[in-house]
Each structure stands twice: as structure tokens, then as C-alpha cells.
PDB file of N, CA and C in Angstrom:
ATOM      1  N   MET A   1      37.955 -55.340  96.861  1.00  0.00           N
ATOM      2  CA  MET A   1      39.361 -55.585  97.146  1.00  0.00           C
ATOM      3  C   MET A   1      39.378 -56.252  98.600  1.00  0.00           C
ATOM      4  N   SER A   2      40.237 -57.403  98.562  1.00  0.00           N
ATOM      5  CA  SER A   2      40.407 -58.026  99.844  1.00  0.00           C
ATOM      6  C   SER A   2      41.382 -57.241 100.858  1.00  0.00           C
ATOM      7  N   GLN A   3      41.320 -57.511 101.961  1.00  0.00           N
ATOM      8  CA  GLN A   3      42.271 -56.995 103.004  1.00  0.00           C
ATOM      9  C   GLN A   3      43.003 -58.005 103.746  1.00  0.00           C
ATOM     10  N   VAL A   4      44.009 -57.761 104.097  1.00  0.00           N
ATOM     11  CA  VAL A   4      44.917 -58.821 104.984  1.00  0.00           C
ATOM     12  C   VAL A   4      45.393 -57.974 106.073  1.00  0.00           C
ATOM     13  N   THR A   5      45.195 -58.202 107.343  1.00  0.00           N
ATOM     14  CA  THR A   5      45.704 -57.643 108.418  1.00  0.00           C
ATOM     15  C   THR A   5      46.986 -58.374 108.969  1.00  0.00           C
ATOM     16  N   LEU A   6      47.894 -57.671 109.430  1.00  0.00           N
ATOM     17  CA  LEU A   6      49.217 -58.152 110.069  1.00  0.00           C
ATOM     18  C   LEU A   6      49.348 -57.652 111.238  1.00  0.00           C
ATOM     19  N   SER A   7      49.777 -58.287 112.364  1.00  0.00           N
ATOM     20  CA  SER A   7      50.249 -57.740 113.631  1.00  0.00           C
ATOM     21  C   SER A   7      51.640 -57.492 113.597  1.00  0.00           C
ATOM     22  N   ILE A   8      52.269 -56.306 113.622  1.00  0.00           N
ATOM     23  CA  ILE A   8      53.644 -55.890 113.683  1.00  0.00           C
ATOM     24  C   ILE A   8      54.052 -55.567 115.106  1.00  0.00           C
ATOM     25  N   PRO A   9      55.152 -55.914 115.635  1.00  0.00           N
ATOM     26  CA  PRO A   9      55.518 -55.403 117.046  1.00  0.00           C
ATOM     27  C   PRO A   9      55.857 -54.017 116.847  1.00  0.00           C
ATOM     28  N   ASP A  10      55.467 -53.178 117.928  1.00  0.00           N
ATOM     29  CA  ASP A  10      55.785 -51.858 117.956  1.00  0.00           C
ATOM     30  C   ASP A  10      57.209 -51.757 117.917  1.00  0.00           C
ATOM     31  N   GLU A  11      58.117 -52.632 118.437  1.00  0.00           N
ATOM     32  CA  GLU A  11      59.564 -52.576 118.478  1.00  0.00           C
ATOM     33  C   GLU A  11      60.065 -52.579 116.945  1.00  0.00           C
ATOM     34  N   THR A  12      59.449 -53.231 116.046  1.00  0.00           N
ATOM     35  CA  THR A  12      59.765 -53.322 114.669  1.00  0.00           C
ATOM     36  C   THR A  12      59.581 -51.942 114.135  1.00  0.00           C
ATOM     37  N   LEU A  13      58.395 -51.381 114.168  1.00  0.00           N
ATOM     38  CA  LEU A  13      58.256 -50.099 113.634  1.00  0.00           C
ATOM     39  C   LEU A  13      59.355 -49.056 114.071  1.00  0.00           C
ATOM     40  N   ARG A  14      59.384 -48.999 115.384  1.00  0.00           N
ATOM     41  CA  ARG A  14      60.432 -48.142 116.074  1.00  0.00           C
ATOM     42  C   ARG A  14      61.928 -48.524 115.552  1.00  0.00           C
ATOM     43  N   ALA A  15      62.240 -49.602 115.348  1.00  0.00           N
ATOM     44  CA  ALA A  15      63.532 -49.896 114.866  1.00  0.00           C
ATOM     45  C   ALA A  15      63.692 -49.418 113.368  1.00  0.00           C
ATOM     46  N   LEU A  16      62.673 -49.593 112.604  1.00  0.00           N
ATOM     47  CA  LEU A  16      62.526 -49.046 111.251  1.00  0.00           C
ATOM     48  C   LEU A  16      62.275 -47.680 111.043  1.00  0.00           C
ATOM     49  N   LYS A  17      61.960 -46.979 112.306  1.00  0.00           N
ATOM     50  CA  LYS A  17      61.448 -45.583 112.187  1.00  0.00           C
ATOM     51  C   LYS A  17      60.599 -45.393 111.074  1.00  0.00           C
ATOM     52  N   ALA A  18      59.453 -46.268 111.040  1.00  0.00           N
ATOM     53  CA  ALA A  18      58.434 -46.412 110.098  1.00  0.00           C
ATOM     54  C   ALA A  18      57.127 -46.059 110.718  1.00  0.00           C
ATOM     55  N   THR A  19      56.105 -45.427 110.119  1.00  0.00           N
ATOM     56  CA  THR A  19      54.724 -45.410 110.540  1.00  0.00           C
ATOM     57  C   THR A  19      54.023 -46.806 110.057  1.00  0.00           C
ATOM     58  N   PRO A  20      52.937 -47.145 110.625  1.00  0.00           N
ATOM     59  CA  PRO A  20      52.319 -48.298 110.078  1.00  0.00           C
ATOM     60  C   PRO A  20      51.961 -48.373 108.588  1.00  0.00           C
ATOM     61  N   ASP A  21      51.660 -46.943 108.063  1.00  0.00           N
ATOM     62  CA  ASP A  21      51.307 -46.977 106.573  1.00  0.00           C
ATOM     63  C   ASP A  21      52.498 -47.087 105.955  1.00  0.00           C
ATOM     64  N   ASP A  22      53.605 -46.458 106.126  1.00  0.00           N
ATOM     65  CA  ASP A  22      55.014 -46.613 105.445  1.00  0.00           C
ATOM     66  C   ASP A  22      55.313 -48.173 105.485  1.00  0.00           C
ATOM     67  N   PHE A  23      55.216 -48.749 106.478  1.00  0.00           N
ATOM     68  CA  PHE A  23      55.576 -50.165 106.675  1.00  0.00           C
ATOM     69  C   PHE A  23      54.687 -51.069 105.811  1.00  0.00           C
ATOM     70  N   ALA A  24      53.531 -50.734 105.853  1.00  0.00           N
ATOM     71  CA  ALA A  24      52.573 -51.377 104.896  1.00  0.00           C
ATOM     72  C   ALA A  24      52.787 -51.402 103.558  1.00  0.00           C
ATOM     73  N   ALA A  25      53.299 -50.191 102.922  1.00  0.00           N
ATOM     74  CA  ALA A  25      53.594 -49.975 101.655  1.00  0.00           C
ATOM     75  C   ALA A  25      54.996 -50.776 101.482  1.00  0.00           C
ATOM     76  N   THR A  26      55.897 -50.629 102.419  1.00  0.00           N
ATOM     77  CA  THR A  26      57.084 -51.494 102.143  1.00  0.00           C
ATOM     78  C   THR A  26      56.791 -52.819 102.080  1.00  0.00           C
ATOM     79  N   ILE A  27      56.081 -53.511 102.971  1.00  0.00           N
ATOM     80  CA  ILE A  27      55.622 -54.978 102.892  1.00  0.00           C
ATOM     81  C   ILE A  27      54.956 -55.307 101.724  1.00  0.00           C
ATOM     82  N   ARG A  28      54.003 -54.457 101.027  1.00  0.00           N
ATOM     83  CA  ARG A  28      53.424 -54.862  99.841  1.00  0.00           C
ATOM     84  C   ARG A  28      54.234 -54.722  98.633  1.00  0.00           C
ATOM     85  N   PHE A  29      55.409 -53.899  98.686  1.00  0.00           N
ATOM     86  CA  PHE A  29      56.207 -53.781  97.578  1.00  0.00           C
ATOM     87  C   PHE A  29      57.141 -54.926  97.624  1.00  0.00           C
ATOM     88  N   ALA A  30      57.665 -55.297  98.869  1.00  0.00           N
ATOM     89  CA  ALA A  30      58.655 -56.502  99.007  1.00  0.00           C
ATOM     90  C   ALA A  30      57.892 -57.780  98.681  1.00  0.00           C
ATOM     91  N   ALA A  31      56.523 -57.934  98.938  1.00  0.00           N
ATOM     92  CA  ALA A  31      55.849 -59.087  98.549  1.00  0.00           C
ATOM     93  C   ALA A  31      55.680 -59.084  97.124  1.00  0.00           C
ATOM     94  N   ALA A  32      55.360 -58.152  96.482  1.00  0.00           N
ATOM     95  CA  ALA A  32      55.231 -58.061  95.032  1.00  0.00           C
ATOM     96  C   ALA A  32      56.432 -58.305  94.386  1.00  0.00           C
ATOM     97  N   VAL A  33      57.615 -57.882  94.646  1.00  0.00           N
ATOM     98  CA  VAL A  33      58.864 -58.195  94.126  1.00  0.00           C
ATOM     99  C   VAL A  33      59.311 -59.763  94.261  1.00  0.00           C
ATOM    100  N   LYS A  34      58.960 -60.212  95.445  1.00  0.00           N
ATOM    101  CA  LYS A  34      59.235 -61.694  95.717  1.00  0.00           C
ATOM    102  C   LYS A  34      58.358 -62.529  94.906  1.00  0.00           C
ATOM    103  N   LEU A  35      57.074 -62.314  94.931  1.00  0.00           N
ATOM    104  CA  LEU A  35      56.182 -63.017  94.072  1.00  0.00           C
ATOM    105  C   LEU A  35      56.350 -62.843  92.518  1.00  0.00           C
ATOM    106  N   TYR A  36      56.941 -61.849  92.057  1.00  0.00           N
ATOM    107  CA  TYR A  36      57.417 -61.749  90.599  1.00  0.00           C
ATOM    108  C   TYR A  36      58.617 -62.460  90.443  1.00  0.00           C
ATOM    109  N   GLU A  37      59.597 -62.389  91.463  1.00  0.00           N
ATOM    110  CA  GLU A  37      60.746 -63.131  91.368  1.00  0.00           C
ATOM    111  C   GLU A  37      60.453 -64.533  91.133  1.00  0.00           C
ATOM    112  N   MET A  38      59.505 -65.109  91.954  1.00  0.00           N
ATOM    113  CA  MET A  38      59.281 -66.555  92.033  1.00  0.00           C
ATOM    114  C   MET A  38      58.506 -66.907  90.698  1.00  0.00           C
ATOM    115  N   GLY A  39      57.958 -66.158  89.864  1.00  0.00           N
ATOM    116  CA  GLY A  39      57.157 -66.222  88.738  1.00  0.00           C
ATOM    117  C   GLY A  39      55.704 -66.638  89.239  1.00  0.00           C
ATOM    118  N   GLN A  40      55.324 -66.120  90.341  1.00  0.00           N
ATOM    119  CA  GLN A  40      53.886 -66.477  90.705  1.00  0.00           C
ATOM    120  C   GLN A  40      53.039 -65.404  90.222  1.00  0.00           C
ATOM    121  N   LEU A  41      53.550 -64.005  89.974  1.00  0.00           N
ATOM    122  CA  LEU A  41      52.777 -63.044  89.526  1.00  0.00           C
ATOM    123  C   LEU A  41      53.489 -62.548  88.253  1.00  0.00           C
ATOM    124  N   SER A  42      52.875 -61.827  87.349  1.00  0.00           N
ATOM    125  CA  SER A  42      53.240 -61.181  86.109  1.00  0.00           C
ATOM    126  C   SER A  42      53.828 -59.775  86.674  1.00  0.00           C
ATOM    127  N   SER A  43      54.617 -58.991  85.906  1.00  0.00           N
ATOM    128  CA  SER A  43      54.921 -58.020  86.309  1.00  0.00           C
ATOM    129  C   SER A  43      53.769 -56.761  86.488  1.00  0.00           C
ATOM    130  N   GLY A  44      52.852 -57.012  85.730  1.00  0.00           N
ATOM    131  CA  GLY A  44      51.629 -56.205  85.908  1.00  0.00           C
ATOM    132  C   GLY A  44      50.842 -56.591  86.989  1.00  0.00           C
ATOM    133  N   ALA A  45      50.658 -57.570  87.226  1.00  0.00           N
ATOM    134  CA  ALA A  45      49.899 -58.031  88.605  1.00  0.00           C
ATOM    135  C   ALA A  45      50.809 -57.717  89.851  1.00  0.00           C
ATOM    136  N   ALA A  46      52.133 -57.840  89.818  1.00  0.00           N
ATOM    137  CA  ALA A  46      53.030 -57.402  90.844  1.00  0.00           C
ATOM    138  C   ALA A  46      52.783 -55.968  90.997  1.00  0.00           C
ATOM    139  N   ALA A  47      52.973 -55.293  90.025  1.00  0.00           N
ATOM    140  CA  ALA A  47      52.812 -53.808  90.105  1.00  0.00           C
ATOM    141  C   ALA A  47      51.665 -53.311  90.728  1.00  0.00           C
ATOM    142  N   GLN A  48      50.429 -54.111  90.353  1.00  0.00           N
ATOM    143  CA  GLN A  48      49.111 -53.708  90.910  1.00  0.00           C
ATOM    144  C   GLN A  48      49.216 -53.905  92.652  1.00  0.00           C
ATOM    145  N   LEU A  49      49.764 -55.227  92.797  1.00  0.00           N
ATOM    146  CA  LEU A  49      49.741 -55.481  94.276  1.00  0.00           C
ATOM    147  C   LEU A  49      50.653 -54.476  95.061  1.00  0.00           C
ATOM    148  N   ALA A  50      51.765 -53.998  94.440  1.00  0.00           N
ATOM    149  CA  ALA A  50      52.463 -53.100  95.105  1.00  0.00           C
ATOM    150  C   ALA A  50      51.980 -51.675  95.225  1.00  0.00           C
ATOM    151  N   GLY A  51      50.956 -51.544  94.302  1.00  0.00           N
ATOM    152  CA  GLY A  51      50.244 -50.145  94.303  1.00  0.00           C
ATOM    153  C   GLY A  51      50.963 -48.996  93.615  1.00  0.00           C
ATOM    154  N   VAL A  52      51.781 -49.518  92.464  1.00  0.00           N
ATOM    155  CA  VAL A  52      52.595 -48.571  91.753  1.00  0.00           C
ATOM    156  C   VAL A  52      52.309 -48.862  90.278  1.00  0.00           C
ATOM    157  N   PRO A  53      52.688 -47.856  89.351  1.00  0.00           N
ATOM    158  CA  PRO A  53      52.490 -48.034  87.935  1.00  0.00           C
ATOM    159  C   PRO A  53      53.581 -49.211  87.442  1.00  0.00           C
ATOM    160  N   LYS A  54      53.323 -50.028  86.529  1.00  0.00           N
ATOM    161  CA  LYS A  54      54.155 -51.044  86.143  1.00  0.00           C
ATOM    162  C   LYS A  54      55.705 -50.583  85.647  1.00  0.00           C
ATOM    163  N   PRO A  55      55.850 -49.413  84.957  1.00  0.00           N
ATOM    164  CA  PRO A  55      57.227 -49.126  84.626  1.00  0.00           C
ATOM    165  C   PRO A  55      57.947 -48.551  85.922  1.00  0.00           C
ATOM    166  N   PHE A  56      57.294 -48.018  86.965  1.00  0.00           N
ATOM    167  CA  PHE A  56      58.013 -47.769  88.191  1.00  0.00           C
ATOM    168  C   PHE A  56      58.433 -49.190  88.819  1.00  0.00           C
ATOM    169  N   PHE A  57      57.384 -49.969  88.930  1.00  0.00           N
ATOM    170  CA  PHE A  57      57.803 -51.315  89.371  1.00  0.00           C
ATOM    171  C   PHE A  57      58.982 -52.071  88.812  1.00  0.00           C
ATOM    172  N   LEU A  58      58.937 -52.117  87.572  1.00  0.00           N
ATOM    173  CA  LEU A  58      60.218 -52.867  86.797  1.00  0.00           C
ATOM    174  C   LEU A  58      61.425 -51.973  86.954  1.00  0.00           C
ATOM    175  N   SER A  59      61.280 -50.622  87.125  1.00  0.00           N
ATOM    176  CA  SER A  59      62.683 -49.777  87.275  1.00  0.00           C
ATOM    177  C   SER A  59      63.220 -49.951  88.689  1.00  0.00           C
ATOM    178  N   ARG A  60      62.322 -50.469  89.667  1.00  0.00           N
ATOM    179  CA  ARG A  60      62.894 -50.615  91.019  1.00  0.00           C
ATOM    180  C   ARG A  60      63.353 -51.967  91.286  1.00  0.00           C
ATOM    181  N   LEU A  61      63.169 -53.024  90.389  1.00  0.00           N
ATOM    182  CA  LEU A  61      63.645 -54.506  90.639  1.00  0.00           C
ATOM    183  C   LEU A  61      64.979 -54.641  90.960  1.00  0.00           C
ATOM    184  N   ALA A  62      65.815 -54.121  90.164  1.00  0.00           N
ATOM    185  CA  ALA A  62      67.110 -54.142  90.256  1.00  0.00           C
ATOM    186  C   ALA A  62      67.654 -53.716  91.849  1.00  0.00           C
ATOM    187  N   ASP A  63      67.026 -52.698  92.353  1.00  0.00           N
ATOM    188  CA  ASP A  63      67.112 -52.254  93.784  1.00  0.00           C
ATOM    189  C   ASP A  63      67.062 -53.345  94.681  1.00  0.00           C
ATOM    190  N   HIS A  64      66.286 -54.391  94.403  1.00  0.00           N
ATOM    191  CA  HIS A  64      66.068 -55.657  95.304  1.00  0.00           C
ATOM    192  C   HIS A  64      66.715 -56.701  94.596  1.00  0.00           C
ATOM    193  N   GLY A  65      67.644 -56.632  93.821  1.00  0.00           N
ATOM    194  CA  GLY A  65      68.633 -57.862  93.313  1.00  0.00           C
ATOM    195  C   GLY A  65      67.729 -58.681  92.246  1.00  0.00           C
ATOM    196  N   VAL A  66      66.543 -58.079  91.782  1.00  0.00           N
ATOM    197  CA  VAL A  66      65.872 -59.129  90.891  1.00  0.00           C
ATOM    198  C   VAL A  66      66.057 -58.564  89.497  1.00  0.00           C
ATOM    199  N   SER A  67      66.146 -59.391  88.615  1.00  0.00           N
ATOM    200  CA  SER A  67      66.346 -59.086  87.045  1.00  0.00           C
ATOM    201  C   SER A  67      64.905 -58.770  86.552  1.00  0.00           C
ATOM    202  N   THR A  68      64.999 -57.617  85.746  1.00  0.00           N
ATOM    203  CA  THR A  68      63.667 -57.368  85.016  1.00  0.00           C
ATOM    204  C   THR A  68      63.379 -58.515  84.027  1.00  0.00           C
ATOM    205  N   PHE A  69      64.418 -59.065  83.443  1.00  0.00           N
ATOM    206  CA  PHE A  69      64.150 -60.297  82.488  1.00  0.00           C
ATOM    207  C   PHE A  69      64.594 -61.523  82.885  1.00  0.00           C
ATOM    208  N   ASP A  70      63.898 -62.639  82.692  1.00  0.00           N
ATOM    209  CA  ASP A  70      64.365 -63.882  83.186  1.00  0.00           C
ATOM    210  C   ASP A  70      64.495 -64.804  82.061  1.00  0.00           C
ATOM    211  N   LEU A  71      65.543 -64.640  81.505  1.00  0.00           N
ATOM    212  CA  LEU A  71      65.962 -65.340  80.211  1.00  0.00           C
ATOM    213  C   LEU A  71      67.008 -66.276  80.628  1.00  0.00           C
ATOM    214  N   SER A  72      66.825 -67.472  80.132  1.00  0.00           N
ATOM    215  CA  SER A  72      68.050 -68.445  80.176  1.00  0.00           C
ATOM    216  C   SER A  72      69.198 -68.048  79.249  1.00  0.00           C
ATOM    217  N   GLU A  73      70.447 -68.651  79.435  1.00  0.00           N
ATOM    218  CA  GLU A  73      71.456 -68.432  78.472  1.00  0.00           C
ATOM    219  C   GLU A  73      71.170 -68.895  76.999  1.00  0.00           C
ATOM    220  N   GLU A  74      70.433 -69.795  76.988  1.00  0.00           N
ATOM    221  CA  GLU A  74      70.014 -70.349  75.484  1.00  0.00           C
ATOM    222  C   GLU A  74      68.781 -69.309  74.941  1.00  0.00           C
ATOM    223  N   GLU A  75      67.873 -68.893  75.888  1.00  0.00           N
ATOM    224  CA  GLU A  75      67.096 -67.980  75.097  1.00  0.00           C
ATOM    225  C   GLU A  75      67.760 -66.567  74.799  1.00  0.00           C
ATOM    226  N   LEU A  76      68.711 -66.202  75.554  1.00  0.00           N
ATOM    227  CA  LEU A  76      69.404 -65.004  75.175  1.00  0.00           C
ATOM    228  C   LEU A  76      70.161 -65.120  74.040  1.00  0.00           C
ATOM    229  N   THR A  77      70.908 -66.325  73.829  1.00  0.00           N
ATOM    230  CA  THR A  77      71.737 -66.651  72.693  1.00  0.00           C
ATOM    231  C   THR A  77      70.654 -66.687  71.267  1.00  0.00           C
ATOM    232  N   HIS A  78      69.541 -67.262  71.545  1.00  0.00           N
ATOM    233  CA  HIS A  78      68.672 -67.342  70.327  1.00  0.00           C
ATOM    234  C   HIS A  78      68.143 -65.973  70.065  1.00  0.00           C
ATOM    235  N   ASP A  79      67.916 -65.008  71.054  1.00  0.00           N
ATOM    236  CA  ASP A  79      67.444 -63.755  70.714  1.00  0.00           C
ATOM    237  C   ASP A  79      68.622 -62.862  70.211  1.00  0.00           C
ATOM    238  N   PHE A  80      69.611 -63.039  70.497  1.00  0.00           N
ATOM    239  CA  PHE A  80      70.879 -62.315  69.997  1.00  0.00           C
ATOM    240  C   PHE A  80      71.126 -62.849  68.547  1.00  0.00           C
ATOM    241  N   LYS A  81      70.955 -63.988  68.339  1.00  0.00           N
ATOM    242  CA  LYS A  81      71.156 -64.508  66.914  1.00  0.00           C
ATOM    243  C   LYS A  81      70.025 -63.869  65.970  1.00  0.00           C
ATOM    244  N   ASN A  82      68.839 -63.752  66.458  1.00  0.00           N
ATOM    245  CA  ASN A  82      67.654 -63.438  65.659  1.00  0.00           C
ATOM    246  C   ASN A  82      67.387 -61.853  65.757  1.00  0.00           C
ATOM    247  N   ALA A  83      68.328 -61.149  66.209  1.00  0.00           N
ATOM    248  CA  ALA A  83      68.204 -59.776  66.478  1.00  0.00           C
ATOM    249  C   ALA A  83      68.485 -59.011  65.133  1.00  0.00           C
TER     250      ALA A  83
END
């Protein structure tokens, strides 16, 4: 597994009242959500990046304003008609 190192100002950690480990977990989850939202990672790959099980990852997407399902109106209508 590869590692990426970030330098975070101490003021940022103090402002967030976060430990480096807590902040790292927050950054990983936020990056996973954004990459999933942008369509660059599947939900499984994003969950793996976030370090959480896929069902947990999917259940938390709404907390970040991201839809679990990314279907167009046309796709939704098609699915509804074929249900």
C-alpha cells in the first residue's frame, strides 16, 4: 500500500480540535466521497480508500450531500416503467 504525506498547520488541527490521526481519517473519507461523486472511484473503491465497509460508506454519502444513486431523469423514468 502506498502512503501519502501531508503537512497540516498545527493551527488547523487546533481549530478543528482534532488529533493528526482523526484528521487523517476525516481527509481520507472526504477524498473518497469527492472522488466517488466525481465518478473517478466506484463505491467499493471509495469505501476502501475511506477505510470503511461499503455499506457504511454508502450510508454516509447523504451526510455529505452526495446521492447514493446517480441516475438521470430519463434513467429513473425507464427504471420506473420497467419496475
